[in-house]
Amino acid sequence: MSHKLLAFVIGLGLVIGALWPSSRKPVETPPVVAPSKGGKVIAVPSAPSEIVLTRSQNGHFYADLNVDGQTIHFLVDTGTSSIALSAADARKLGISWTEQDLKPVGRGVSGPVNGKFVTLHRMQLGSKEAWDMEAAVIPNGLEVSLLGQTFLEKIGSVSINGDQMILR
């Protein structure tokens, strides 16, 4: 993953998180199935293969994913290349860090952005699952976690039609 690209992604996320509050819409999580390793996505039997997200009042799309057994609220950002976790969401997942763990992971609008790279074992959105996904924990300045292309490209097609984002 390019650090310049990650810097842009994190900068965008910092701006978005600072400007718009989230609007939570729950996504039903189907039962766990056997994993497919290596960042691959598998369909969950008996779950709809099409996931529809409704645009929030602030103009963005949000989704609640099951991440390693916890529900994490994400801003779905098709222009973001990676996954970024807020400090609160990282703590919810049991991820810890010290100041010494934080290294420059990119550059935001206010300058260098420090974080810690981690691997998320399992991410699930409806019928879509991804395994062993890289993410950056951004302890300072990120209000809402970001779900970018590293996940979205694994699940198939993403389209926006009016106020709906359709994931197939």
Protein backbone atom coordinates (compact mmCIF):
# COMPACT_ATOMS: atom_id res chain seq x y z
CA MET A 1 0.00 0.00 0.00
CA SER A 2 1.43 3.38 -0.97
CA HIS A 3 2.07 5.66 1.99
CA LYS A 4 1.21 8.71 -0.17
CA LEU A 5 -2.14 7.19 -1.00
CA LEU A 6 -2.74 6.28 2.63
CA ALA A 7 -1.88 9.87 3.58
CA PHE A 8 -4.55 11.17 1.21
CA VAL A 9 -7.07 8.66 2.52
CA ILE A 10 -6.40 9.52 6.14
CA GLY A 11 -6.50 13.25 5.41
CA LEU A 12 -9.85 12.86 3.71
CA GLY A 13 -11.14 10.80 6.62
CA LEU A 14 -9.99 13.40 9.14
CA VAL A 15 -11.84 16.12 7.26
CA ILE A 16 -14.99 14.04 6.83
CA GLY A 17 -14.99 12.91 10.44
CA ALA A 18 -14.59 16.44 11.69
CA LEU A 19 -17.34 17.90 9.50
CA TRP A 20 -20.17 15.40 9.54
CA PRO A 21 -21.74 13.48 12.42
CA SER A 22 -22.64 9.88 11.75
CA SER A 23 -26.13 8.55 11.20
CA ARG A 24 -26.32 4.94 12.31
CA LYS A 25 -28.35 2.47 10.30
CA PRO A 26 -28.02 -1.11 11.54
CA VAL A 27 -26.99 -3.87 9.17
CA GLU A 28 -28.12 -7.37 10.09
CA THR A 29 -25.21 -9.74 10.51
CA PRO A 30 -25.82 -13.33 9.44
CA PRO A 31 -24.24 -16.35 11.17
CA VAL A 32 -20.51 -17.00 11.04
CA VAL A 33 -19.23 -19.42 8.38
CA ALA A 34 -15.87 -21.08 7.82
CA PRO A 35 -13.18 -18.56 6.80
CA SER A 36 -11.54 -18.15 3.45
CA LYS A 37 -8.08 -16.78 4.22
CA GLY A 38 -5.95 -14.20 2.47
CA GLY A 39 -8.26 -11.21 2.11
CA LYS A 40 -10.81 -13.20 0.09
CA VAL A 41 -14.54 -12.76 0.41
CA ILE A 42 -17.05 -15.57 0.58
CA ALA A 43 -20.84 -15.45 0.47
CA VAL A 44 -22.75 -16.37 3.58
CA PRO A 45 -25.46 -18.95 2.87
CA SER A 46 -29.07 -17.79 3.35
CA ALA A 47 -28.11 -14.09 3.39
CA PRO A 48 -29.10 -11.76 0.54
CA SER A 49 -26.27 -11.34 -1.98
CA GLU A 50 -27.19 -7.68 -2.56
CA ILE A 51 -26.67 -5.17 0.23
CA VAL A 52 -28.35 -1.78 -0.03
CA LEU A 53 -27.19 1.17 2.07
CA THR A 54 -29.28 4.33 2.30
CA ARG A 55 -27.61 7.74 2.13
CA SER A 56 -27.66 9.50 5.51
CA GLN A 57 -28.93 13.04 6.03
CA ASN A 58 -25.35 14.33 5.80
CA GLY A 59 -24.98 12.86 2.31
CA HIS A 60 -22.73 9.93 3.22
CA PHE A 61 -23.20 6.19 3.41
CA TYR A 62 -22.58 4.30 6.66
CA ALA A 63 -22.51 0.60 7.46
CA ASP A 64 -22.18 -1.44 10.62
CA LEU A 65 -19.83 -4.36 10.07
CA ASN A 66 -19.06 -7.31 12.26
CA VAL A 67 -15.31 -7.04 12.78
CA ASP A 68 -13.71 -9.83 14.77
CA GLY A 69 -16.96 -10.33 16.68
CA GLN A 70 -17.68 -6.65 17.40
CA THR A 71 -20.02 -4.24 15.59
CA ILE A 72 -18.03 -1.34 14.15
CA HIS A 73 -19.69 1.68 12.52
CA PHE A 74 -17.96 2.79 9.30
CA LEU A 75 -18.28 5.64 6.87
CA VAL A 76 -18.25 3.88 3.49
CA ASP A 77 -15.83 5.88 1.38
CA THR A 78 -15.35 4.71 -2.20
CA GLY A 79 -12.60 7.31 -2.64
CA THR A 80 -10.55 5.92 0.24
CA SER A 81 -8.05 3.19 -0.53
CA SER A 82 -7.76 1.61 2.90
CA ILE A 83 -9.47 0.85 6.19
CA ALA A 84 -8.86 3.26 9.07
CA LEU A 85 -10.04 2.70 12.63
CA SER A 86 -10.82 5.40 15.16
CA ALA A 87 -9.28 5.04 18.62
CA ALA A 88 -12.64 4.11 20.15
CA ASP A 89 -13.27 1.38 17.58
CA ALA A 90 -9.74 0.02 17.91
CA ARG A 91 -10.19 -0.22 21.70
CA LYS A 92 -13.54 -1.95 21.18
CA LEU A 93 -11.65 -4.57 19.15
CA GLY A 94 -9.11 -5.00 21.92
CA ILE A 95 -6.31 -3.27 20.02
CA SER A 96 -3.91 -1.35 22.20
CA TRP A 97 -0.94 0.86 21.50
CA THR A 98 1.58 3.08 23.19
CA GLU A 99 2.98 6.36 21.94
CA GLN A 100 6.09 4.42 20.90
CA ASP A 101 3.95 2.21 18.63
CA LEU A 102 2.70 5.19 16.63
CA LYS A 103 4.59 5.87 13.43
CA PRO A 104 3.83 8.20 10.53
CA VAL A 105 1.28 6.41 8.35
CA GLY A 106 0.39 9.34 6.15
CA ARG A 107 -0.10 13.06 5.87
CA GLY A 108 -3.38 14.78 6.63
CA VAL A 109 -4.56 18.36 6.17
CA SER A 110 -2.93 19.30 9.49
CA GLY A 111 0.37 17.55 8.81
CA PRO A 112 1.75 14.09 9.56
CA VAL A 113 -0.72 11.46 10.76
CA ASN A 114 0.54 8.88 13.21
CA GLY A 115 -0.97 5.46 13.59
CA LYS A 116 -0.39 1.76 13.89
CA PHE A 117 -0.96 -0.86 11.19
CA VAL A 118 -2.98 -3.89 12.31
CA THR A 119 -4.64 -6.91 10.71
CA LEU A 120 -8.38 -7.41 11.11
CA HIS A 121 -9.02 -11.14 11.02
CA ARG A 122 -12.66 -11.14 9.87
CA MET A 123 -14.91 -8.40 8.50
CA GLN A 124 -18.52 -9.06 7.56
CA LEU A 125 -21.15 -6.87 5.98
CA GLY A 126 -24.36 -8.80 5.39
CA SER A 127 -23.51 -11.67 3.06
CA LYS A 128 -20.00 -10.38 2.33
CA GLU A 129 -16.93 -11.43 4.32
CA ALA A 130 -13.27 -10.56 4.06
CA TRP A 131 -10.39 -12.11 5.98
CA ASP A 132 -7.00 -10.81 7.14
CA MET A 133 -7.52 -7.19 6.09
CA GLU A 134 -4.88 -4.55 6.81
CA ALA A 135 -6.08 -1.42 8.61
CA ALA A 136 -4.50 1.61 10.25
CA VAL A 137 -5.47 2.65 13.77
CA ILE A 138 -5.54 6.45 13.89
CA PRO A 139 -5.73 7.36 17.59
CA ASN A 140 -6.00 11.13 17.10
CA GLY A 141 -8.40 13.08 14.88
CA LEU A 142 -10.47 10.32 13.30
CA GLU A 143 -14.08 10.57 14.53
CA VAL A 144 -15.54 7.67 12.53
CA SER A 145 -13.81 4.62 11.10
CA LEU A 146 -13.42 4.53 7.32
CA LEU A 147 -14.24 1.62 5.05
CA GLY A 148 -12.33 1.99 1.81
CA GLN A 149 -11.40 0.11 -1.32
CA THR A 150 -9.31 -2.61 0.34
CA PHE A 151 -12.64 -4.03 1.58
CA LEU A 152 -14.96 -2.80 -1.17
CA GLU A 153 -12.88 -4.26 -4.00
CA LYS A 154 -13.14 -7.69 -2.37
CA ILE A 155 -16.94 -7.81 -2.28
CA GLY A 156 -17.75 -7.32 -5.97
CA SER A 157 -19.48 -4.36 -7.54
CA VAL A 158 -20.40 -1.11 -5.83
CA SER A 159 -22.86 1.28 -7.44
CA ILE A 160 -24.72 4.37 -6.34
CA ASN A 161 -28.22 5.05 -7.60
CA GLY A 162 -29.73 8.19 -6.11
CA ASP A 163 -29.75 7.75 -2.35
CA GLN A 164 -28.79 4.09 -2.42
CA MET A 165 -25.41 2.38 -2.51
CA ILE A 166 -25.77 -1.15 -3.83
CA LEU A 167 -23.10 -3.72 -3.00
CA ARG A 168 -23.26 -6.93 -5.07
